Amino acid sequence: MSIKVSVKWGKQEFKDIEIDFSQPAVLFKTQLFSMTGVPIERQKIMVKGGMLKDDSDWSTLGLKNGQKLMMMGTADAIPVAPTQEMKFVEDLPEAAQAYAESAKLGMGLVNVGNTCYMNSIVQCLFNIPELKDLLASLNPSTQGGGMTNEGGKRLTLAAAELFKQLSSALQPVTPFQFISTLRQCFPQFSQQGPQGGFMQQDAEECYSQLMYSFRETMRNSSESGGGGGGSDPVTELMGLRLKCTLKCEETGEESQEDQTVYTAKCNITAEVNHVHEGLRIALLEDREKTSPILDRMALWKGSSEVTHLPKVLTLQFVRFFWKTNISVVDGPQGVKSKILRKVSYPLVLDMYEFCDAALKAELTKGRQAMLKIADEAAAKKLKMSEDTSASGEKVEAKEGEDASMGEASGSGFEEERPKLMTGHYDLVAVLTHKGRAADSGHYIAYCKRDNNQWVVCDDETLGLRTEEDIKNLQGGGDHHMAYLCMYKARYA
């Protein structure tokens, strides 16, 4: 049996709504929801004896054909249609599809006129999480105590803004503000060619000026709250401290100098085939300076040792040098020439041999801890193998269990004691140059992401590369070769 009723809801009235007494009351409420948008749990329908419930018995309510019922309740908001048409990646133009795919690898930087040197440096620095955190935490309104480098502060803030854009952009970023600030702060990057366009620049010079700006800005920013002293966070992160011992050839007198550098130099000669050989040469020097005993200039022999290793080590292959060309008409002229010699570099760099005795003692502790962790992992693996042989049952280790023991014995082990530096560094970025001169050619960055994938950053174009591709950037021809390498410290 069924009847038809009308329902009044606010100013609206819905007529001839059928009620089938053989169906539960919740079905009637469902009909009202479809007409009014009022959810079932909000519907209050007045009937004999009170409110209509989901399981009410129709036979006890005494409803009659044509009866008018009253309902109260608030409807849900009507869904708003999307203002833009939904597009799928497959429907986008080819260029847009390429950007969508590259966005999974990161985001590129648009070349705004011979700015590949800057784009490559920015991508390498952006690949350092600790530096990103430092820039993100920088307060634009902070006035550093004794701040004299206002231009450097503006450049640092521009870098922070550029990093922010790279983190959230859905298409390649055009770094107009950053390059404009860089050229204002350091006019050498504003050099123009005969045709009026901006000229190519040396990527290492760009890196050095950025490090200077970051260091000065963040040091003054950190000192403004406490009145000075202490080291700045950029130096702690990327500064390599050296102790140079100089000995006068004529008198035997000695002197020592301490300095902090932001690139470890790899000098390239005809005998250098590996980066370690170039590092050894770079730590030796001949210098002319005044001898207090002779009271005149004399030759001093110098050798340097590392006294502090940074979390991130930047290695420079000294491939460019000034070569003087003698011209009958114009006289001597300098040309910045390039050394194309092949120099191999490792994926894991060991700096132990270049450190002084005190630092070596610290690194030894870390290395012993790493060996202990490796021994524990090997012993655990052997025990599992013996248990398997004894029981005849296959015992499977959890995926990644041995790897976690070998790396750092798991996150719990790291939390129990402070991290110990080992002197080993993992390669995380390579900046390459192709061409015969630093002020021409093309620069590209190769960055290792957190998932261990190598990504090539060629201005706005990004793509995947293999570890073997990275090993093949050692030089020896006119193709791309490593100019700067960035390594991240490995801890035990």
Protein backbone atom coordinates (compact mmCIF):
# COMPACT_ATOMS: atom_id res chain seq x y z
CA MET A 1 0.00 0.00 0.00
CA SER A 2 1.22 3.54 -0.74
CA ILE A 3 -0.02 7.11 -0.40
CA LYS A 4 1.02 10.52 -1.66
CA VAL A 5 1.86 13.41 0.67
CA SER A 6 3.23 16.95 0.38
CA VAL A 7 6.20 18.25 2.36
CA LYS A 8 6.71 21.90 3.32
CA TRP A 9 10.34 22.93 3.82
CA GLY A 10 10.84 26.60 4.58
CA LYS A 11 9.18 28.55 1.78
CA GLN A 12 9.13 25.58 -0.57
CA GLU A 13 6.50 22.87 -0.83
CA PHE A 14 7.00 19.55 -2.55
CA LYS A 15 3.75 17.81 -3.62
CA ASP A 16 2.77 14.27 -4.53
CA ILE A 17 5.67 12.51 -2.85
CA GLU A 18 4.92 8.81 -2.71
CA ILE A 19 5.30 6.83 0.52
CA ASP A 20 5.43 3.05 0.16
CA PHE A 21 4.43 1.53 3.51
CA SER A 22 6.34 -1.65 2.64
CA GLN A 23 9.64 0.27 2.55
CA PRO A 24 11.50 1.67 5.61
CA ALA A 25 11.14 5.35 6.52
CA VAL A 26 14.81 6.01 5.66
CA LEU A 27 13.91 5.51 1.97
CA PHE A 28 11.40 8.38 2.22
CA LYS A 29 14.10 10.55 3.81
CA THR A 30 16.44 9.66 0.97
CA GLN A 31 13.85 10.98 -1.50
CA LEU A 32 13.69 14.26 0.40
CA PHE A 33 17.49 14.54 0.43
CA SER A 34 17.59 14.23 -3.36
CA MET A 35 15.03 17.04 -3.68
CA THR A 36 16.20 19.45 -0.97
CA GLY A 37 19.86 18.66 -0.33
CA VAL A 38 19.18 18.29 3.41
CA PRO A 39 21.22 15.30 4.70
CA ILE A 40 19.20 12.52 6.32
CA GLU A 41 20.78 13.10 9.76
CA ARG A 42 19.63 16.74 9.70
CA GLN A 43 16.04 16.11 8.63
CA LYS A 44 13.40 16.78 11.28
CA ILE A 45 9.99 15.65 9.94
CA MET A 46 6.97 16.26 12.19
CA VAL A 47 4.56 13.29 12.43
CA LYS A 48 2.10 11.95 14.97
CA GLY A 49 3.95 11.24 18.20
CA GLY A 50 7.03 13.35 17.43
CA MET A 51 9.77 13.09 14.79
CA LEU A 52 9.98 10.58 11.96
CA LYS A 53 12.84 8.18 12.65
CA ASP A 54 14.78 6.06 10.17
CA ASP A 55 13.13 2.87 11.50
CA SER A 56 9.65 4.27 12.31
CA ASP A 57 6.68 1.91 11.79
CA TRP A 58 4.38 3.47 9.15
CA SER A 59 1.34 1.68 10.53
CA THR A 60 1.56 3.54 13.84
CA LEU A 61 1.75 7.05 12.36
CA GLY A 62 -1.78 7.26 10.89
CA LEU A 63 -0.72 9.05 7.70
CA LYS A 64 -3.44 9.80 5.14
CA ASN A 65 -3.38 10.38 1.40
CA GLY A 66 -2.75 14.07 0.59
CA GLN A 67 -1.56 14.89 4.11
CA LYS A 68 0.90 17.79 4.50
CA LEU A 69 4.10 17.18 6.48
CA MET A 70 6.61 19.76 7.74
CA MET A 71 10.38 19.30 7.54
CA MET A 72 13.17 21.36 9.09
CA GLY A 73 16.88 21.14 8.39
CA THR A 74 19.77 22.93 6.64
CA ALA A 75 20.87 21.83 3.21
CA ASP A 76 24.51 21.30 2.24
CA ALA A 77 26.11 23.91 0.01
CA ILE A 78 25.58 23.27 -3.67
CA PRO A 79 28.84 22.13 -5.27
CA VAL A 80 30.45 24.81 -7.43
CA ALA A 81 31.51 23.80 -10.91
CA PRO A 82 35.25 24.19 -11.57
CA THR A 83 36.12 27.53 -13.11
CA GLN A 84 38.81 25.97 -15.31
CA GLU A 85 38.49 22.98 -17.52
CA MET A 86 40.34 19.94 -16.18
CA LYS A 87 43.29 19.02 -18.34
CA PHE A 88 45.19 15.76 -18.41
CA VAL A 89 48.92 15.55 -19.10
CA GLU A 90 48.21 13.63 -22.31
CA ASP A 91 46.15 16.55 -23.61
CA LEU A 92 48.86 19.18 -23.03
CA PRO A 93 51.19 20.43 -25.80
CA GLU A 94 54.48 18.56 -26.13
CA ALA A 95 56.48 21.34 -24.44
CA ALA A 96 54.05 21.40 -21.49
CA GLN A 97 54.22 17.61 -21.21
CA ALA A 98 58.03 17.83 -21.05
CA TYR A 99 57.80 20.38 -18.24
CA ALA A 100 55.32 18.20 -16.37
CA GLU A 101 57.69 15.24 -16.55
CA SER A 102 60.75 17.29 -15.56
CA ALA A 103 58.84 18.74 -12.58
CA LYS A 104 59.13 15.30 -10.95
CA LEU A 105 62.91 15.79 -10.98
CA GLY A 106 62.89 19.38 -9.73
CA MET A 107 62.53 22.64 -11.62
CA GLY A 108 64.80 24.36 -14.12
CA LEU A 109 65.97 27.96 -14.48
CA VAL A 110 65.44 29.97 -17.66
CA ASN A 111 68.60 31.25 -19.34
CA VAL A 112 68.10 35.03 -19.63
CA GLY A 113 71.18 35.65 -21.73
CA ASN A 114 74.43 33.77 -21.03
CA THR A 115 73.38 32.99 -17.45
CA CYS A 116 74.03 29.24 -17.51
CA TYR A 117 77.00 29.84 -15.18
CA MET A 118 74.63 31.28 -12.57
CA ASN A 119 71.84 28.74 -13.17
CA SER A 120 74.26 25.84 -12.66
CA ILE A 121 75.66 27.26 -9.40
CA VAL A 122 72.15 27.93 -8.07
CA GLN A 123 71.07 24.35 -8.84
CA CYS A 124 74.12 22.92 -7.04
CA LEU A 125 73.51 25.10 -3.96
CA PHE A 126 69.78 24.37 -4.04
CA ASN A 127 70.71 20.69 -3.79
CA ILE A 128 72.13 21.29 -0.27
CA PRO A 129 69.22 20.93 2.23
CA GLU A 130 71.14 22.60 5.08
CA LEU A 131 71.77 25.72 2.97
CA LYS A 132 68.11 25.83 1.93
CA ASP A 133 67.11 25.73 5.60
CA LEU A 134 69.52 28.58 6.44
CA LEU A 135 68.14 30.78 3.69
CA ALA A 136 64.54 29.91 4.53
CA SER A 137 65.07 30.91 8.17
CA LEU A 138 66.58 34.29 7.26
CA ASN A 139 64.51 37.22 8.51
CA PRO A 140 64.35 39.97 5.84
CA SER A 141 63.92 42.66 8.52
CA THR A 142 66.97 41.57 10.54
CA GLN A 143 69.64 44.26 10.73
CA GLY A 144 72.98 42.66 11.45
CA GLY A 145 75.26 44.24 14.01
CA GLY A 146 77.83 46.33 12.15
CA MET A 147 76.38 45.31 8.81
CA THR A 148 78.37 47.05 6.07
CA ASN A 149 77.57 44.79 3.12
CA GLU A 150 74.02 45.88 2.35
CA GLY A 151 74.37 44.68 -1.25
CA GLY A 152 75.35 41.21 -0.04
CA LYS A 153 72.29 41.13 2.19
CA ARG A 154 70.03 41.98 -0.76
CA LEU A 155 71.66 39.24 -2.82
CA THR A 156 71.21 36.71 -0.01
CA LEU A 157 67.52 37.61 0.34
CA ALA A 158 67.13 37.34 -3.45
CA ALA A 159 68.68 33.85 -3.28
CA ALA A 160 66.26 32.89 -0.50
CA GLU A 161 63.34 34.04 -2.65
CA LEU A 162 64.68 32.16 -5.68
CA PHE A 163 65.04 28.95 -3.63
CA LYS A 164 61.45 29.42 -2.47
CA GLN A 165 60.27 29.71 -6.07
CA LEU A 166 62.22 26.61 -7.11
CA SER A 167 60.58 24.65 -4.28
CA SER A 168 57.02 25.40 -5.39
CA ALA A 169 57.15 26.28 -9.10
CA LEU A 170 55.21 24.25 -11.66
CA GLN A 171 57.22 25.55 -14.59
CA PRO A 172 60.81 26.76 -15.13
CA VAL A 173 61.65 29.82 -13.05
CA THR A 174 62.92 33.02 -14.68
CA PRO A 175 65.50 34.47 -12.23
CA PHE A 176 65.23 38.15 -13.26
CA GLN A 177 65.36 39.53 -9.71
CA PHE A 178 68.30 37.37 -8.71
CA ILE A 179 70.49 38.10 -11.75
CA SER A 180 69.68 41.82 -11.51
CA THR A 181 70.72 41.89 -7.85
CA LEU A 182 73.88 39.89 -8.61
CA ARG A 183 74.91 42.39 -11.30
CA GLN A 184 74.17 45.35 -9.04
CA CYS A 185 76.24 43.93 -6.18
CA PHE A 186 79.10 42.64 -8.35
CA PRO A 187 79.43 44.70 -11.56
CA GLN A 188 81.85 42.24 -13.16
CA PHE A 189 78.82 40.10 -14.01
CA SER A 190 77.38 43.04 -16.00
CA GLN A 191 80.13 42.89 -18.59
CA GLN A 192 78.74 43.19 -22.12
CA GLY A 193 80.09 42.07 -25.46
CA PRO A 194 80.55 44.02 -28.71
CA GLN A 195 76.93 43.32 -29.70
CA GLY A 196 75.55 44.70 -26.43
CA GLY A 197 74.52 41.40 -24.82
CA PHE A 198 75.70 40.19 -21.43
CA MET A 199 78.79 38.01 -21.62
CA GLN A 200 79.37 34.53 -20.23
CA GLN A 201 81.06 34.50 -16.81
CA ASP A 202 83.15 32.14 -14.68
CA ALA A 203 80.87 29.91 -12.55
CA GLU A 204 83.48 29.62 -9.77
CA GLU A 205 83.66 33.42 -9.44
CA CYS A 206 79.87 33.48 -9.11
CA TYR A 207 80.06 30.79 -6.43
CA SER A 208 82.74 32.71 -4.50
CA GLN A 209 80.71 35.94 -4.49
CA LEU A 210 77.58 34.10 -3.35
CA MET A 211 79.50 32.44 -0.52
CA TYR A 212 80.88 35.82 0.53
CA SER A 213 77.41 37.39 0.55
CA PHE A 214 75.78 34.48 2.40
CA ARG A 215 78.59 34.38 4.95
CA GLU A 216 78.59 38.10 5.72
CA THR A 217 74.80 38.35 5.87
CA MET A 218 74.20 35.33 8.08
CA ARG A 219 77.17 36.04 10.34
CA ASN A 220 75.95 39.54 11.09
CA SER A 221 72.38 38.31 11.36
CA SER A 222 73.37 35.66 13.95
CA GLU A 223 75.58 38.11 15.88
CA SER A 224 72.94 40.84 16.10
CA GLY A 225 71.11 39.00 18.86
CA GLY A 226 74.10 38.16 21.03
CA GLY A 227 76.69 40.81 20.39
CA GLY A 228 79.13 38.88 18.20
CA GLY A 229 81.74 36.19 18.55
CA GLY A 230 81.45 32.65 17.27
CA SER A 231 81.49 31.33 13.73
CA ASP A 232 78.82 31.98 11.17
CA PRO A 233 76.56 29.11 10.01
CA VAL A 234 77.77 29.24 6.39
CA THR A 235 81.38 28.77 7.48
CA GLU A 236 80.38 25.85 9.71
CA LEU A 237 78.51 24.29 6.79
CA MET A 238 80.94 24.87 3.90
CA GLY A 239 84.18 26.38 5.27
CA LEU A 240 87.44 24.40 5.06
CA ARG A 241 89.99 25.54 7.66
CA LEU A 242 93.69 25.29 6.83
CA LYS A 243 96.92 25.78 8.77
CA CYS A 244 99.81 26.88 6.59
CA THR A 245 103.40 26.46 7.86
CA LEU A 246 105.94 28.67 6.08
CA LYS A 247 109.72 28.18 6.29
CA CYS A 248 112.29 30.67 5.00
CA GLU A 249 114.81 29.01 2.71
CA GLU A 250 117.68 31.29 3.74
CA THR A 251 117.25 31.57 7.51
CA GLY A 252 115.17 28.54 8.48
CA GLU A 253 112.72 30.71 10.44
CA GLU A 254 109.09 29.53 10.48
CA SER A 255 105.67 31.15 10.71
CA GLN A 256 102.11 29.83 10.70
CA GLU A 257 98.94 31.21 9.18
CA ASP A 258 95.33 30.07 9.61
CA GLN A 259 92.73 30.62 6.92
CA THR A 260 89.25 29.47 5.93
CA VAL A 261 88.52 28.70 2.28
CA TYR A 262 85.33 27.60 0.56
CA THR A 263 86.88 25.53 -2.21
CA ALA A 264 89.53 22.85 -1.99
CA LYS A 265 91.77 23.37 -5.02
CA CYS A 266 92.86 20.58 -7.32
CA ASN A 267 95.83 21.91 -9.30
CA ILE A 268 96.31 20.29 -12.70
CA THR A 269 99.77 19.63 -14.12
CA ALA A 270 101.13 17.16 -16.66
CA GLU A 271 101.62 14.62 -13.82
CA VAL A 272 98.15 14.86 -12.30
CA ASN A 273 95.76 12.05 -13.22
CA HIS A 274 93.64 11.82 -10.05
CA VAL A 275 92.10 14.46 -7.79
CA HIS A 276 94.22 13.39 -4.79
CA GLU A 277 97.40 14.23 -6.71
CA GLY A 278 96.08 17.69 -7.53
CA LEU A 279 95.03 18.31 -3.92
CA ARG A 280 98.55 17.47 -2.67
CA ILE A 281 100.11 19.97 -5.08
CA ALA A 282 97.63 22.68 -4.11
CA LEU A 283 98.60 22.38 -0.43
CA LEU A 284 102.21 23.29 -1.27
CA GLU A 285 103.32 26.79 -2.21
CA ASP A 286 106.32 29.03 -2.74
CA ARG A 287 105.88 32.57 -1.49
CA GLU A 288 107.96 35.70 -1.33
CA LYS A 289 107.57 37.61 1.93
CA THR A 290 109.63 39.75 4.24
CA SER A 291 112.09 37.99 6.55
CA PRO A 292 112.40 39.78 9.93
CA ILE A 293 115.97 38.46 10.27
CA LEU A 294 117.13 39.54 6.80
CA ASP A 295 114.90 42.64 6.78
CA ARG A 296 114.13 42.05 3.11
CA MET A 297 112.04 39.88 0.82
CA ALA A 298 112.95 36.20 0.77
CA LEU A 299 111.59 32.90 -0.55
CA TRP A 300 109.45 30.88 1.85
CA LYS A 301 108.34 27.29 1.31
CA GLY A 302 104.82 26.58 2.54
CA SER A 303 102.70 23.50 3.22
CA SER A 304 99.10 23.41 4.47
CA GLU A 305 97.10 20.93 6.52
CA VAL A 306 93.35 20.76 7.10
CA THR A 307 92.33 21.55 10.69
CA HIS A 308 88.54 21.48 10.23
CA LEU A 309 86.37 19.67 7.68
CA PRO A 310 82.96 21.11 6.69
CA LYS A 311 79.67 19.29 6.27
CA VAL A 312 79.71 20.17 2.57
CA LEU A 313 83.05 20.28 0.73
CA THR A 314 83.38 22.08 -2.61
CA LEU A 315 86.23 20.93 -4.83
CA GLN A 316 87.49 23.10 -7.71
CA PHE A 317 89.46 21.75 -10.64
CA VAL A 318 91.82 24.63 -11.48
CA ARG A 319 91.33 24.35 -15.22
CA PHE A 320 91.60 28.04 -16.15
CA PHE A 321 94.75 30.16 -16.10
CA TRP A 322 95.97 33.42 -17.57
CA LYS A 323 98.23 32.96 -20.56
CA THR A 324 100.13 35.95 -21.90
CA ASN A 325 100.20 36.35 -25.67
CA ILE A 326 102.86 38.66 -27.09
CA SER A 327 101.59 40.87 -29.89
CA VAL A 328 103.91 43.09 -31.91
CA VAL A 329 101.17 45.66 -32.35
CA ASP A 330 99.30 45.61 -29.04
CA GLY A 331 101.99 44.28 -26.73
CA PRO A 332 101.39 41.60 -24.03
CA GLN A 333 97.76 40.53 -23.64
CA GLY A 334 96.25 38.05 -21.19
CA VAL A 335 94.03 35.20 -22.34
CA LYS A 336 92.11 32.96 -19.96
CA SER A 337 92.98 29.50 -21.25
CA LYS A 338 91.61 26.10 -20.25
CA ILE A 339 93.39 22.88 -19.27
CA LEU A 340 91.54 19.99 -20.90
CA ARG A 341 93.51 17.19 -19.21
CA LYS A 342 91.52 14.24 -17.89
CA VAL A 343 91.49 14.11 -14.08
CA SER A 344 89.51 11.35 -12.38
CA TYR A 345 87.52 11.93 -9.20
CA PRO A 346 85.81 9.44 -6.89
CA LEU A 347 82.17 9.11 -5.90
CA VAL A 348 83.47 8.82 -2.31
CA LEU A 349 86.31 11.21 -1.48
CA ASP A 350 88.67 10.48 1.44
CA MET A 351 90.22 13.63 2.99
CA TYR A 352 92.07 11.86 5.83
CA GLU A 353 95.61 12.21 4.45
CA PHE A 354 95.30 16.00 4.12
CA CYS A 355 94.39 16.59 7.80
CA ASP A 356 96.64 17.53 10.70
CA ALA A 357 97.34 15.15 13.60
CA ALA A 358 94.56 16.46 15.86
CA LEU A 359 91.88 16.15 13.18
CA LYS A 360 93.16 12.71 12.14
CA ALA A 361 92.67 11.54 15.74
CA GLU A 362 89.03 12.67 15.63
CA LEU A 363 88.46 11.02 12.25
CA THR A 364 89.99 7.79 13.51
CA LYS A 365 87.27 7.57 16.16
CA GLY A 366 84.62 7.91 13.49
CA ARG A 367 86.26 5.31 11.27
CA GLN A 368 86.55 2.85 14.13
CA ALA A 369 82.87 3.38 14.93
CA MET A 370 82.00 2.76 11.29
CA LEU A 371 84.04 -0.47 11.26
CA LYS A 372 82.32 -1.59 14.46
CA ILE A 373 78.92 -1.02 12.89
CA ALA A 374 79.99 -2.96 9.78
CA ASP A 375 81.31 -5.84 11.95
CA GLU A 376 78.04 -5.97 13.91
CA ALA A 377 76.06 -6.09 10.67
CA ALA A 378 78.29 -8.86 9.28
CA ALA A 379 77.99 -10.85 12.54
CA LYS A 380 74.21 -10.50 12.48
CA LYS A 381 74.07 -11.66 8.89
CA LEU A 382 76.30 -14.66 9.68
CA LYS A 383 74.14 -15.64 12.66
CA MET A 384 71.00 -15.50 10.51
CA SER A 385 72.73 -17.75 7.97
CA GLU A 386 73.73 -20.24 10.69
CA ASP A 387 70.21 -20.26 12.13
CA THR A 388 68.87 -20.96 8.66
CA SER A 389 71.24 -23.91 8.17
CA ALA A 390 70.44 -25.36 11.61
CA SER A 391 66.67 -25.16 11.29
CA GLY A 392 66.43 -25.89 7.60
CA GLU A 393 63.97 -23.05 7.29
CA LYS A 394 64.51 -19.96 5.22
CA VAL A 395 64.81 -16.85 7.40
CA GLU A 396 64.38 -13.62 5.45
CA ALA A 397 65.76 -10.36 6.73
CA LYS A 398 63.61 -7.30 6.44
CA GLU A 399 64.30 -5.29 3.33
CA GLY A 400 67.07 -2.74 3.93
CA GLU A 401 68.05 -4.17 7.34
CA ASP A 402 71.68 -4.85 6.45
CA ALA A 403 71.94 -1.56 4.59
CA SER A 404 70.78 0.42 7.58
CA MET A 405 73.35 -1.32 9.79
CA GLY A 406 76.12 -0.58 7.31
CA GLU A 407 75.20 3.08 6.87
CA ALA A 408 74.83 4.17 10.48
CA SER A 409 73.35 1.30 12.45
CA GLY A 410 69.86 2.77 12.09
CA SER A 411 68.35 6.02 13.27
CA GLY A 412 68.13 4.79 16.85
CA PHE A 413 71.92 4.36 17.02
CA GLU A 414 72.42 7.93 15.79
CA GLU A 415 70.16 9.31 18.49
CA GLU A 416 72.09 7.56 21.31
CA ARG A 417 75.40 9.36 20.67
CA PRO A 418 76.67 12.34 18.66
CA LYS A 419 77.63 11.82 15.03
CA LEU A 420 81.31 11.24 14.35
CA MET A 421 82.94 12.57 11.19
CA THR A 422 84.92 9.99 9.22
CA GLY A 423 86.68 12.09 6.58
CA HIS A 424 84.71 10.33 3.84
CA TYR A 425 82.58 12.46 1.52
CA ASP A 426 79.83 11.40 -0.91
CA LEU A 427 79.56 13.19 -4.23
CA VAL A 428 76.24 15.08 -4.46
CA ALA A 429 76.74 17.63 -7.26
CA VAL A 430 78.99 18.26 -10.26
CA LEU A 431 79.18 21.51 -12.22
CA THR A 432 80.65 21.04 -15.69
CA HIS A 433 81.94 23.33 -18.42
CA LYS A 434 82.14 22.76 -22.15
CA GLY A 435 84.35 25.02 -24.23
CA ARG A 436 87.87 26.41 -24.40
CA ALA A 437 87.50 29.45 -22.09
CA ALA A 438 85.76 30.19 -18.79
CA ASP A 439 84.11 33.27 -20.29
CA SER A 440 82.52 31.32 -23.13
CA GLY A 441 81.09 27.85 -23.70
CA HIS A 442 78.31 26.35 -21.60
CA TYR A 443 77.81 25.30 -17.95
CA ILE A 444 75.58 22.45 -16.69
CA ALA A 445 74.84 21.08 -13.21
CA TYR A 446 74.41 17.43 -12.23
CA CYS A 447 72.69 16.94 -8.86
CA LYS A 448 72.11 13.80 -6.80
CA ARG A 449 68.63 13.81 -5.27
CA ASP A 450 67.59 12.24 -1.96
CA ASN A 451 66.37 9.13 -3.81
CA ASN A 452 69.93 8.64 -5.19
CA GLN A 453 68.88 9.63 -8.72
CA TRP A 454 71.25 11.84 -10.66
CA VAL A 455 69.51 14.73 -12.43
CA VAL A 456 71.10 16.91 -15.10
CA CYS A 457 70.06 20.59 -14.90
CA ASP A 458 70.69 22.23 -18.26
CA ASP A 459 69.04 25.62 -17.70
CA GLU A 460 65.27 24.98 -17.92
CA THR A 461 65.67 21.36 -19.10
CA LEU A 462 66.04 18.56 -16.55
CA GLY A 463 66.62 14.87 -17.12
CA LEU A 464 67.89 11.67 -15.52
CA ARG A 465 71.49 10.47 -15.71
CA THR A 466 73.25 7.35 -14.49
CA GLU A 467 76.19 7.07 -12.12
CA GLU A 468 78.28 5.99 -15.08
CA ASP A 469 77.43 9.27 -16.85
CA ILE A 470 78.78 11.16 -13.81
CA LYS A 471 82.05 9.22 -13.88
CA ASN A 472 82.52 10.19 -17.54
CA LEU A 473 82.78 13.94 -16.79
CA GLN A 474 86.51 13.76 -16.06
CA GLY A 475 87.74 15.75 -19.06
CA GLY A 476 90.15 14.91 -21.82
CA GLY A 477 88.35 16.59 -24.74
CA ASP A 478 86.00 19.34 -25.79
CA HIS A 479 82.92 17.79 -24.18
CA HIS A 480 81.55 18.65 -20.72
CA MET A 481 84.05 18.15 -17.90
CA ALA A 482 83.91 18.64 -14.14
CA TYR A 483 84.83 22.13 -12.93
CA LEU A 484 83.31 22.11 -9.43
CA CYS A 485 82.34 19.06 -7.35
CA MET A 486 80.33 19.19 -4.14
CA TYR A 487 80.72 16.43 -1.56
CA LYS A 488 78.66 15.80 1.59
CA ALA A 489 80.31 14.46 4.74
CA ARG A 490 79.62 10.89 5.79
CA TYR A 491 79.17 10.32 9.51
CA ALA A 492 79.30 7.21 11.69
